C-alpha atoms as a PDB file:
ATOM      1  CA  MET A   1     -23.905 -55.878  99.821  1.00  0.00           C
ATOM      2  CA  LYS A   2     -21.205 -56.755 102.337  1.00  0.00           C
ATOM      3  CA  THR A   3     -22.272 -58.760 105.354  1.00  0.00           C
ATOM      4  CA  PRO A   4     -19.401 -58.702 107.868  1.00  0.00           C
ATOM      5  CA  ALA A   5     -21.482 -60.666 110.363  1.00  0.00           C
ATOM      6  CA  TYR A   6     -21.383 -63.731 108.121  1.00  0.00           C
ATOM      7  CA  THR A   7     -19.322 -66.584 109.588  1.00  0.00           C
ATOM      8  CA  GLY A   8     -19.133 -69.864 107.735  1.00  0.00           C
ATOM      9  CA  ARG A   9     -17.118 -73.005 108.334  1.00  0.00           C
ATOM     10  CA  PHE A  10     -15.836 -76.230 106.824  1.00  0.00           C
ATOM     11  CA  ALA A  11     -15.613 -79.123 109.266  1.00  0.00           C
ATOM     12  CA  PRO A  12     -13.937 -82.244 107.849  1.00  0.00           C
ATOM     13  CA  THR A  13     -13.439 -85.529 109.671  1.00  0.00           C
ATOM     14  CA  PRO A  14      -9.817 -86.777 109.536  1.00  0.00           C
ATOM     15  CA  SER A  15     -10.760 -90.339 108.645  1.00  0.00           C
ATOM     16  CA  GLY A  16      -8.953 -89.948 105.343  1.00  0.00           C
ATOM     17  CA  TYR A  17      -7.765 -87.443 102.777  1.00  0.00           C
ATOM     18  CA  LEU A  18      -9.964 -84.902 101.029  1.00  0.00           C
ATOM     19  CA  HIS A  19     -11.676 -86.194  97.892  1.00  0.00           C
ATOM     20  CA  PHE A  20     -13.744 -84.553  95.173  1.00  0.00           C
ATOM     21  CA  GLY A  21     -16.974 -84.724  97.172  1.00  0.00           C
ATOM     22  CA  SER A  22     -15.237 -82.942 100.059  1.00  0.00           C
ATOM     23  CA  LEU A  23     -13.940 -80.306  97.671  1.00  0.00           C
ATOM     24  CA  ILE A  24     -17.457 -79.456  96.504  1.00  0.00           C
ATOM     25  CA  ALA A  25     -18.660 -78.889 100.085  1.00  0.00           C
ATOM     26  CA  ALA A  26     -15.536 -76.918 101.048  1.00  0.00           C
ATOM     27  CA  LEU A  27     -15.646 -74.779  97.912  1.00  0.00           C
ATOM     28  CA  ALA A  28     -19.345 -73.964  98.292  1.00  0.00           C
ATOM     29  CA  SER A  29     -18.834 -72.971 101.920  1.00  0.00           C
ATOM     30  CA  PHE A  30     -15.763 -70.890 101.067  1.00  0.00           C
ATOM     31  CA  LEU A  31     -17.394 -69.062  98.163  1.00  0.00           C
ATOM     32  CA  ASP A  32     -20.601 -68.377 100.063  1.00  0.00           C
ATOM     33  CA  ALA A  33     -18.594 -66.689 102.813  1.00  0.00           C
ATOM     34  CA  ARG A  34     -16.091 -64.803 100.677  1.00  0.00           C
ATOM     35  CA  SER A  35     -18.719 -63.530  98.212  1.00  0.00           C
ATOM     36  CA  VAL A  36     -20.257 -61.427 101.005  1.00  0.00           C
ATOM     37  CA  GLY A  37     -17.015 -60.480 102.728  1.00  0.00           C
ATOM     38  CA  GLY A  38     -17.591 -62.987 105.517  1.00  0.00           C
ATOM     39  CA  ARG A  39     -15.285 -65.077 107.678  1.00  0.00           C
ATOM     40  CA  TRP A  40     -14.530 -68.708 106.799  1.00  0.00           C
ATOM     41  CA  LEU A  41     -13.346 -71.090 109.512  1.00  0.00           C
ATOM     42  CA  VAL A  42     -11.979 -74.624 109.491  1.00  0.00           C
ATOM     43  CA  ARG A  43     -12.832 -77.022 112.300  1.00  0.00           C
ATOM     44  CA  MET A  44     -11.429 -80.529 112.590  1.00  0.00           C
ATOM     45  CA  GLU A  45     -14.138 -82.953 113.714  1.00  0.00           C
ATOM     46  CA  ASP A  46     -11.765 -85.457 115.305  1.00  0.00           C
ATOM     47  CA  LEU A  47     -14.301 -87.074 117.625  1.00  0.00           C
ATOM     48  CA  ASP A  48     -13.748 -90.721 116.723  1.00  0.00           C
ATOM     49  CA  PRO A  49     -10.078 -91.761 117.134  1.00  0.00           C
ATOM     50  CA  PRO A  50     -10.592 -95.392 116.008  1.00  0.00           C
ATOM     51  CA  ARG A  51     -11.789 -94.142 112.602  1.00  0.00           C
ATOM     52  CA  GLU A  52      -9.134 -91.478 112.155  1.00  0.00           C
ATOM     53  CA  GLN A  53      -6.180 -91.961 109.844  1.00  0.00           C
ATOM     54  CA  PRO A  54      -2.776 -90.874 111.180  1.00  0.00           C
ATOM     55  CA  GLY A  55      -1.642 -87.696 109.471  1.00  0.00           C
ATOM     56  CA  ALA A  56      -5.011 -87.089 107.795  1.00  0.00           C
ATOM     57  CA  ALA A  57      -5.765 -83.853 109.676  1.00  0.00           C
ATOM     58  CA  ASP A  58      -2.518 -82.226 108.563  1.00  0.00           C
ATOM     59  CA  ALA A  59      -2.973 -83.549 105.031  1.00  0.00           C
ATOM     60  CA  ILE A  60      -6.464 -82.024 104.863  1.00  0.00           C
ATOM     61  CA  LEU A  61      -5.133 -78.621 105.859  1.00  0.00           C
ATOM     62  CA  ARG A  62      -2.285 -78.808 103.336  1.00  0.00           C
ATOM     63  CA  THR A  63      -4.741 -79.768 100.602  1.00  0.00           C
ATOM     64  CA  LEU A  64      -7.032 -76.835 101.396  1.00  0.00           C
ATOM     65  CA  GLU A  65      -4.039 -74.501 101.180  1.00  0.00           C
ATOM     66  CA  SER A  66      -2.893 -75.983  97.865  1.00  0.00           C
ATOM     67  CA  TYR A  67      -6.391 -75.382  96.462  1.00  0.00           C
ATOM     68  CA  GLY A  68      -6.326 -71.749  97.627  1.00  0.00           C
ATOM     69  CA  LEU A  69      -8.999 -72.261 100.303  1.00  0.00           C
ATOM     70  CA  GLU A  70      -7.424 -70.179 103.042  1.00  0.00           C
ATOM     71  CA  TRP A  71      -9.266 -69.925 106.342  1.00  0.00           C
ATOM     72  CA  ASP A  72      -9.493 -67.272 109.039  1.00  0.00           C
ATOM     73  CA  GLY A  73      -8.115 -67.729 112.545  1.00  0.00           C
ATOM     74  CA  ALA A  74      -6.904 -70.907 114.198  1.00  0.00           C
ATOM     75  CA  VAL A  75      -8.239 -74.362 113.406  1.00  0.00           C
ATOM     76  CA  LEU A  76     -10.523 -75.679 116.164  1.00  0.00           C
ATOM     77  CA  TYR A  77      -9.996 -79.346 117.073  1.00  0.00           C
ATOM     78  CA  GLN A  78     -12.980 -81.040 118.668  1.00  0.00           C
ATOM     79  CA  SER A  79     -10.677 -83.449 120.482  1.00  0.00           C
ATOM     80  CA  GLN A  80      -9.710 -80.480 122.662  1.00  0.00           C
ATOM     81  CA  ARG A  81     -13.323 -79.707 123.580  1.00  0.00           C
ATOM     82  CA  HIS A  82     -14.300 -82.786 125.608  1.00  0.00           C
ATOM     83  CA  GLU A  83     -14.734 -80.887 128.880  1.00  0.00           C
ATOM     84  CA  ALA A  84     -17.243 -78.513 127.303  1.00  0.00           C
ATOM     85  CA  TYR A  85     -19.278 -81.383 125.844  1.00  0.00           C
ATOM     86  CA  GLN A  86     -19.286 -83.274 129.124  1.00  0.00           C
ATOM     87  CA  ALA A  87     -20.339 -80.203 131.109  1.00  0.00           C
ATOM     88  CA  ILE A  88     -23.505 -79.879 129.010  1.00  0.00           C
ATOM     89  CA  ILE A  89     -24.235 -83.595 129.263  1.00  0.00           C
ATOM     90  CA  ASP A  90     -23.861 -83.473 133.056  1.00  0.00           C
ATOM     91  CA  GLN A  91     -26.248 -80.522 133.177  1.00  0.00           C
ATOM     92  CA  TRP A  92     -28.875 -82.255 131.054  1.00  0.00           C
ATOM     93  CA  LEU A  93     -28.586 -85.459 133.084  1.00  0.00           C
ATOM     94  CA  ARG A  94     -29.232 -83.513 136.278  1.00  0.00           C
ATOM     95  CA  GLN A  95     -32.197 -81.769 134.657  1.00  0.00           C
ATOM     96  CA  GLY A  96     -33.694 -85.036 133.407  1.00  0.00           C
ATOM     97  CA  LEU A  97     -33.323 -83.962 129.766  1.00  0.00           C
ATOM     98  CA  ALA A  98     -30.879 -86.797 129.110  1.00  0.00           C
ATOM     99  CA  TYR A  99     -30.608 -90.353 130.382  1.00  0.00           C
ATOM    100  CA  ALA A 100     -28.390 -93.429 130.281  1.00  0.00           C
ATOM    101  CA  CYS A 101     -29.178 -96.114 127.711  1.00  0.00           C
ATOM    102  CA  THR A 102     -27.867 -99.696 127.760  1.00  0.00           C
ATOM    103  CA  CYS A 103     -29.656-100.897 124.623  1.00  0.00           C
ATOM    104  CA  SER A 104     -27.539-102.704 122.059  1.00  0.00           C
ATOM    105  CA  ARG A 105     -27.284-101.607 118.454  1.00  0.00           C
ATOM    106  CA  LYS A 106     -29.158-104.760 117.452  1.00  0.00           C
ATOM    107  CA  THR A 107     -32.060-103.766 119.710  1.00  0.00           C
ATOM    108  CA  VAL A 108     -32.285-100.333 118.111  1.00  0.00           C
ATOM    109  CA  GLU A 109     -32.109-101.811 114.614  1.00  0.00           C
ATOM    110  CA  HIS A 110     -35.250-103.797 115.450  1.00  0.00           C
ATOM    111  CA  TYR A 111     -37.077-100.441 115.581  1.00  0.00           C
ATOM    112  CA  ALA A 112     -35.746 -99.281 112.187  1.00  0.00           C
ATOM    113  CA  GLY A 113     -33.182 -97.094 113.922  1.00  0.00           C
ATOM    114  CA  ILE A 114     -35.799 -94.858 115.602  1.00  0.00           C
ATOM    115  CA  TYR A 115     -35.214 -95.272 119.307  1.00  0.00           C
ATOM    116  CA  PRO A 116     -38.534 -95.859 121.160  1.00  0.00           C
ATOM    117  CA  GLY A 117     -37.343 -94.702 124.573  1.00  0.00           C
ATOM    118  CA  LEU A 118     -36.856 -98.127 126.146  1.00  0.00           C
ATOM    119  CA  CYS A 119     -34.432 -96.779 128.778  1.00  0.00           C
ATOM    120  CA  ARG A 120     -36.151 -93.426 129.339  1.00  0.00           C
ATOM    121  CA  ASN A 121     -37.358 -94.283 132.822  1.00  0.00           C
ATOM    122  CA  ALA A 122     -35.003 -97.147 133.665  1.00  0.00           C
ATOM    123  CA  GLY A 123     -32.688 -95.077 135.837  1.00  0.00           C
ATOM    124  CA  HIS A 124     -29.492 -96.757 134.629  1.00  0.00           C
ATOM    125  CA  PRO A 125     -26.171 -95.470 136.050  1.00  0.00           C
ATOM    126  CA  TRP A 126     -24.641 -92.775 133.862  1.00  0.00           C
ATOM    127  CA  HIS A 127     -21.271 -94.503 133.567  1.00  0.00           C
ATOM    128  CA  ASP A 128     -20.544 -97.235 131.013  1.00  0.00           C
ATOM    129  CA  ALA A 129     -23.711 -96.423 129.085  1.00  0.00           C
ATOM    130  CA  ALA A 130     -24.698 -94.349 126.100  1.00  0.00           C
ATOM    131  CA  ILE A 131     -26.361 -91.016 126.887  1.00  0.00           C
ATOM    132  CA  ARG A 132     -29.477 -90.040 124.969  1.00  0.00           C
ATOM    133  CA  ILE A 133     -31.359 -86.741 124.857  1.00  0.00           C
ATOM    134  CA  ARG A 134     -35.138 -86.795 125.250  1.00  0.00           C
ATOM    135  CA  VAL A 135     -36.873 -85.359 122.207  1.00  0.00           C
ATOM    136  CA  PRO A 136     -40.278 -83.680 122.228  1.00  0.00           C
ATOM    137  CA  GLU A 137     -43.247 -84.873 120.192  1.00  0.00           C
ATOM    138  CA  LEU A 138     -42.879 -81.882 117.917  1.00  0.00           C
ATOM    139  CA  ARG A 139     -41.952 -81.073 114.326  1.00  0.00           C
ATOM    140  CA  TYR A 140     -38.824 -79.041 113.685  1.00  0.00           C
ATOM    141  CA  GLY A 141     -38.222 -77.499 110.307  1.00  0.00           C
ATOM    142  CA  PHE A 142     -36.269 -74.893 108.393  1.00  0.00           C
ATOM    143  CA  ASP A 143     -36.040 -73.324 104.954  1.00  0.00           C
ATOM    144  CA  ASP A 144     -32.905 -74.516 103.215  1.00  0.00           C
ATOM    145  CA  ARG A 145     -31.471 -72.041 100.725  1.00  0.00           C
ATOM    146  CA  VAL A 146     -31.253 -74.746  98.038  1.00  0.00           C
ATOM    147  CA  GLN A 147     -33.390 -77.704  99.117  1.00  0.00           C
ATOM    148  CA  GLY A 148     -36.373 -75.664 100.244  1.00  0.00           C
ATOM    149  CA  ARG A 149     -38.560 -76.467 103.245  1.00  0.00           C
ATOM    150  CA  PHE A 150     -37.545 -79.499 105.293  1.00  0.00           C
ATOM    151  CA  GLU A 151     -39.347 -80.741 108.407  1.00  0.00           C
ATOM    152  CA  GLN A 152     -39.051 -83.707 110.706  1.00  0.00           C
ATOM    153  CA  HIS A 153     -41.124 -84.948 113.631  1.00  0.00           C
ATOM    154  CA  LEU A 154     -38.490 -85.735 116.229  1.00  0.00           C
ATOM    155  CA  GLY A 155     -40.555 -88.241 118.157  1.00  0.00           C
ATOM    156  CA  THR A 156     -41.657 -90.427 115.251  1.00  0.00           C
ATOM    157  CA  GLU A 157     -38.872 -89.816 112.707  1.00  0.00           C
ATOM    158  CA  ALA A 158     -35.768 -89.526 114.897  1.00  0.00           C
ATOM    159  CA  GLY A 159     -36.413 -90.664 118.449  1.00  0.00           C
ATOM    160  CA  ASP A 160     -34.218 -89.946 121.455  1.00  0.00           C
ATOM    161  CA  PHE A 161     -30.740 -89.730 119.967  1.00  0.00           C
ATOM    162  CA  VAL A 162     -27.269 -90.382 121.337  1.00  0.00           C
ATOM    163  CA  ILE A 163     -25.148 -87.447 122.515  1.00  0.00           C
ATOM    164  CA  ARG A 164     -22.395 -89.590 124.061  1.00  0.00           C
ATOM    165  CA  ARG A 165     -21.622 -93.107 122.939  1.00  0.00           C
ATOM    166  CA  ARG A 166     -21.175 -96.031 125.281  1.00  0.00           C
ATOM    167  CA  ASP A 167     -17.439 -96.076 124.515  1.00  0.00           C
ATOM    168  CA  GLY A 168     -17.203 -92.541 125.911  1.00  0.00           C
ATOM    169  CA  PHE A 169     -16.834 -90.730 122.587  1.00  0.00           C
ATOM    170  CA  TYR A 170     -19.015 -87.674 122.090  1.00  0.00           C
ATOM    171  CA  ALA A 171     -21.602 -87.675 119.327  1.00  0.00           C
ATOM    172  CA  TYR A 172     -21.533 -85.441 116.288  1.00  0.00           C
ATOM    173  CA  GLN A 173     -24.956 -83.887 116.907  1.00  0.00           C
ATOM    174  CA  LEU A 174     -23.955 -82.390 120.261  1.00  0.00           C
ATOM    175  CA  ALA A 175     -20.429 -81.347 119.311  1.00  0.00           C
ATOM    176  CA  VAL A 176     -21.411 -79.617 116.076  1.00  0.00           C
ATOM    177  CA  VAL A 177     -24.095 -77.503 117.770  1.00  0.00           C
ATOM    178  CA  LEU A 178     -21.885 -76.467 120.689  1.00  0.00           C
ATOM    179  CA  ASP A 179     -18.955 -75.588 118.456  1.00  0.00           C
ATOM    180  CA  ASP A 180     -21.025 -73.676 115.909  1.00  0.00           C
ATOM    181  CA  GLY A 181     -22.357 -71.665 118.834  1.00  0.00           C
ATOM    182  CA  LEU A 182     -18.879 -71.121 120.276  1.00  0.00           C
ATOM    183  CA  GLN A 183     -17.527 -69.918 116.935  1.00  0.00           C
ATOM    184  CA  GLY A 184     -20.488 -67.704 116.111  1.00  0.00           C
ATOM    185  CA  VAL A 185     -21.319 -69.566 112.910  1.00  0.00           C
ATOM    186  CA  THR A 186     -24.181 -67.841 111.107  1.00  0.00           C
ATOM    187  CA  ASP A 187     -24.291 -69.888 107.895  1.00  0.00           C
ATOM    188  CA  ILE A 188     -23.760 -73.607 107.402  1.00  0.00           C
ATOM    189  CA  VAL A 189     -23.022 -74.906 103.917  1.00  0.00           C
ATOM    190  CA  ARG A 190     -22.559 -78.679 103.768  1.00  0.00           C
ATOM    191  CA  GLY A 191     -23.580 -81.878 101.972  1.00  0.00           C
ATOM    192  CA  ALA A 192     -27.194 -82.966 101.572  1.00  0.00           C
ATOM    193  CA  ASP A 193     -26.490 -86.165 103.527  1.00  0.00           C
ATOM    194  CA  LEU A 194     -26.730 -84.010 106.667  1.00  0.00           C
ATOM    195  CA  LEU A 195     -30.102 -82.530 105.776  1.00  0.00           C
ATOM    196  CA  ASP A 196     -32.032 -84.850 108.101  1.00  0.00           C
ATOM    197  CA  SER A 197     -29.609 -84.139 110.974  1.00  0.00           C
ATOM    198  CA  THR A 198     -30.636 -80.504 110.975  1.00  0.00           C
ATOM    199  CA  PRO A 199     -33.972 -80.798 112.890  1.00  0.00           C
ATOM    200  CA  ARG A 200     -32.142 -82.559 115.734  1.00  0.00           C
ATOM    201  CA  GLN A 201     -29.573 -79.784 115.743  1.00  0.00           C
ATOM    202  CA  LEU A 202     -32.322 -77.157 115.788  1.00  0.00           C
ATOM    203  CA  TYR A 203     -33.706 -78.811 118.917  1.00  0.00           C
ATOM    204  CA  LEU A 204     -30.298 -78.783 120.620  1.00  0.00           C
ATOM    205  CA  GLN A 205     -29.829 -75.138 119.648  1.00  0.00           C
ATOM    206  CA  GLU A 206     -33.158 -74.398 121.299  1.00  0.00           C
ATOM    207  CA  LEU A 207     -32.118 -76.180 124.507  1.00  0.00           C
ATOM    208  CA  LEU A 208     -28.853 -74.230 124.569  1.00  0.00           C
ATOM    209  CA  GLY A 209     -30.450 -70.875 123.762  1.00  0.00           C
ATOM    210  CA  LEU A 210     -28.453 -70.551 120.540  1.00  0.00           C
ATOM    211  CA  PRO A 211     -29.706 -68.828 117.376  1.00  0.00           C
ATOM    212  CA  ALA A 212     -30.312 -71.114 114.410  1.00  0.00           C
ATOM    213  CA  PRO A 213     -27.894 -70.557 111.506  1.00  0.00           C
ATOM    214  CA  ARG A 214     -28.997 -70.356 107.914  1.00  0.00           C
ATOM    215  CA  TYR A 215     -28.511 -73.637 106.040  1.00  0.00           C
ATOM    216  CA  LEU A 216     -27.519 -74.533 102.501  1.00  0.00           C
ATOM    217  CA  HIS A 217     -27.172 -78.222 101.638  1.00  0.00           C
ATOM    218  CA  VAL A 218     -25.340 -78.987  98.398  1.00  0.00           C
ATOM    219  CA  PRO A 219     -25.891 -82.183  96.375  1.00  0.00           C
ATOM    220  CA  LEU A 220     -23.795 -85.251  97.081  1.00  0.00           C
ATOM    221  CA  ILE A 221     -21.683 -86.769  94.339  1.00  0.00           C
ATOM    222  CA  THR A 222     -22.401 -90.463  93.855  1.00  0.00           C
ATOM    223  CA  GLN A 223     -20.679 -93.355  92.130  1.00  0.00           C
ATOM    224  CA  PRO A 224     -22.429 -95.046  89.172  1.00  0.00           C
ATOM    225  CA  ASP A 225     -23.840 -97.656  91.582  1.00  0.00           C
ATOM    226  CA  GLY A 226     -25.345 -94.950  93.789  1.00  0.00           C
ATOM    227  CA  HIS A 227     -22.789 -95.046  96.605  1.00  0.00           C
ATOM    228  CA  LYS A 228     -21.771 -91.689  98.051  1.00  0.00           C
ATOM    229  CA  LEU A 229     -18.384 -90.476  96.863  1.00  0.00           C
ATOM    230  CA  GLY A 230     -16.417 -90.654 100.108  1.00  0.00           C
ATOM    231  CA  LYS A 231     -13.164 -91.482 101.842  1.00  0.00           C
ATOM    232  CA  SER A 232     -14.158 -95.091 102.413  1.00  0.00           C
ATOM    233  CA  TYR A 233     -15.389 -95.859  98.908  1.00  0.00           C
ATOM    234  CA  ARG A 234     -12.718 -95.761  96.191  1.00  0.00           C
ATOM    235  CA  SER A 235     -12.505 -91.973  96.232  1.00  0.00           C
ATOM    236  CA  PRO A 236      -9.020 -90.821  95.224  1.00  0.00           C
ATOM    237  CA  PRO A 237      -7.442 -88.049  97.315  1.00  0.00           C
ATOM    238  CA  LEU A 238      -7.110 -84.600  95.813  1.00  0.00           C
ATOM    239  CA  GLU A 239      -3.744 -83.801  94.279  1.00  0.00           C
ATOM    240  CA  ALA A 240      -2.266 -80.303  94.323  1.00  0.00           C
ATOM    241  CA  GLY A 241      -1.353 -80.445  90.642  1.00  0.00           C
ATOM    242  CA  GLN A 242      -4.987 -80.978  89.684  1.00  0.00           C
ATOM    243  CA  ALA A 243      -6.289 -77.962  91.615  1.00  0.00           C
ATOM    244  CA  PRO A 244      -7.302 -75.679  88.689  1.00  0.00           C
ATOM    245  CA  ALA A 245      -9.051 -78.485  86.795  1.00  0.00           C
ATOM    246  CA  LEU A 246     -10.847 -79.921  89.829  1.00  0.00           C
ATOM    247  CA  LEU A 247     -11.918 -76.494  91.085  1.00  0.00           C
ATOM    248  CA  THR A 248     -13.449 -75.832  87.673  1.00  0.00           C
ATOM    249  CA  ARG A 249     -15.181 -79.212  87.713  1.00  0.00           C
ATOM    250  CA  ALA A 250     -16.476 -78.565  91.249  1.00  0.00           C
ATOM    251  CA  LEU A 251     -17.894 -75.212  90.156  1.00  0.00           C
ATOM    252  CA  ARG A 252     -19.821 -76.932  87.379  1.00  0.00           C
ATOM    253  CA  ALA A 253     -21.167 -79.487  89.863  1.00  0.00           C
ATOM    254  CA  LEU A 254     -22.416 -76.535  91.916  1.00  0.00           C
ATOM    255  CA  GLY A 255     -24.337 -75.163  88.934  1.00  0.00           C
ATOM    256  CA  GLN A 256     -21.922 -72.331  88.266  1.00  0.00           C
ATOM    257  CA  ARG A 257     -20.778 -71.607  84.724  1.00  0.00           C
ATOM    258  CA  PRO A 258     -17.012 -71.160  84.700  1.00  0.00           C
ATOM    259  CA  PRO A 259     -15.394 -70.478  81.330  1.00  0.00           C
ATOM    260  CA  ASP A 260     -13.312 -73.291  79.873  1.00  0.00           C
ATOM    261  CA  THR A 261     -10.220 -71.122  80.295  1.00  0.00           C
ATOM    262  CA  LEU A 262     -10.615 -71.098  84.088  1.00  0.00           C
ATOM    263  CA  GLU A 263      -8.839 -74.404  84.577  1.00  0.00           C
ATOM    264  CA  HIS A 264      -5.732 -72.937  82.955  1.00  0.00           C
ATOM    265  CA  LEU A 265      -5.525 -69.997  85.354  1.00  0.00           C
ATOM    266  CA  PRO A 266      -3.543 -69.905  88.611  1.00  0.00           C
ATOM    267  CA  VAL A 267      -5.635 -71.111  91.548  1.00  0.00           C
ATOM    268  CA  GLN A 268      -6.058 -67.690  93.148  1.00  0.00           C
ATOM    269  CA  GLU A 269      -7.258 -66.129  89.886  1.00  0.00           C
ATOM    270  CA  ALA A 270      -9.734 -68.967  89.365  1.00  0.00           C
ATOM    271  CA  LEU A 271     -11.067 -68.533  92.893  1.00  0.00           C
ATOM    272  CA  GLN A 272     -11.401 -64.789  92.447  1.00  0.00           C
ATOM    273  CA  TRP A 273     -13.561 -65.383  89.377  1.00  0.00           C
ATOM    274  CA  ALA A 274     -15.629 -67.883  91.368  1.00  0.00           C
ATOM    275  CA  ILE A 275     -16.117 -65.448  94.267  1.00  0.00           C
ATOM    276  CA  GLU A 276     -17.225 -62.646  91.981  1.00  0.00           C
ATOM    277  CA  HIS A 277     -19.664 -64.884  90.075  1.00  0.00           C
ATOM    278  CA  TRP A 278     -20.961 -67.012  92.957  1.00  0.00           C
ATOM    279  CA  SER A 279     -24.666 -67.764  92.521  1.00  0.00           C
ATOM    280  CA  PRO A 280     -26.236 -69.975  95.229  1.00  0.00           C
ATOM    281  CA  SER A 281     -29.547 -69.925  93.360  1.00  0.00           C
ATOM    282  CA  SER A 282     -27.873 -71.865  90.540  1.00  0.00           C
ATOM    283  CA  ILE A 283     -26.976 -74.849  92.736  1.00  0.00           C
ATOM    284  CA  PRO A 284     -28.983 -77.951  91.739  1.00  0.00           C
ATOM    285  CA  CYS A 285     -31.661 -78.767  94.305  1.00  0.00           C
ATOM    286  CA  LYS A 286     -31.206 -82.505  93.803  1.00  0.00           C
ATOM    287  CA  ARG A 287     -29.983 -84.371  96.876  1.00  0.00           C
ATOM    288  CA  ALA A 288     -27.447 -86.316  94.800  1.00  0.00           C
ATOM    289  CA  LEU A 289     -25.676 -86.011  91.447  1.00  0.00           C
ATOM    290  CA  PRO A 290     -24.052 -88.974  89.626  1.00  0.00           C
ATOM    291  CA  GLU A 291     -20.340 -88.399  89.154  1.00  0.00           C
ATOM    292  CA  ALA A 292     -20.648 -89.467  85.546  1.00  0.00           C
ATOM    293  CA  SER A 293     -22.965 -86.534  84.825  1.00  0.00           C
ATOM    294  CA  LEU A 294     -20.404 -83.875  85.776  1.00  0.00           C
END
């Protein structure tokens, strides 16, 4: 059954080129949208200039095109959305929902990364400080389409979290929620490393009066030593000439059963097969998969 209201998205960070782990997340998101006739957007999460690699954003887009993953509409760049993020922060500061925090990273590490609210009532100036959102002593949960039920008590398992860093850069948790709301995203398909970010995002959606999307978290691909396959850990960039073979390999990692002949087909024909045979229920529910097992 066609679901025109479906809007999905892929939101890479331009800190490097796309690698095989990125391809799995992008492909799953793309197929989930296209299999129901939905829209698929690309958003560039360029929130952290010191970590970004020059030319990476353009390279990511070229790689998606060479792998046949064509998106709808214009690419949204988060670096062009600072005013919108700041407007919400200013509102929450005035309402007492957010506050300035001058605690060092070392101080927070002493509490196992769960911020205990040391600056909640300190009344620090808003400038030259991190901004944290107050969290309620409540559990937030959701039913993931692959991982099942996931819940988190924000007070004891997350703590008041940063929505703007001390260096002035805006935090992922705030930007992703605002931009998903702006773009009308109904379904989020992404890596399982973001599973425990979701309860915090549900809370922000509640504050903003936004509907919660459906979520599907796909397994991460790990190196033999357990490290996540990523841009910063010996993960080779995707090459256009390997597209059919790597798309086929990515489908297998997602629990699909492509025929051996698929990797010899043109990219668009391989993707059409994948769209027609997409089965989210076949995705492994493990949080991580060793690369050697694929």
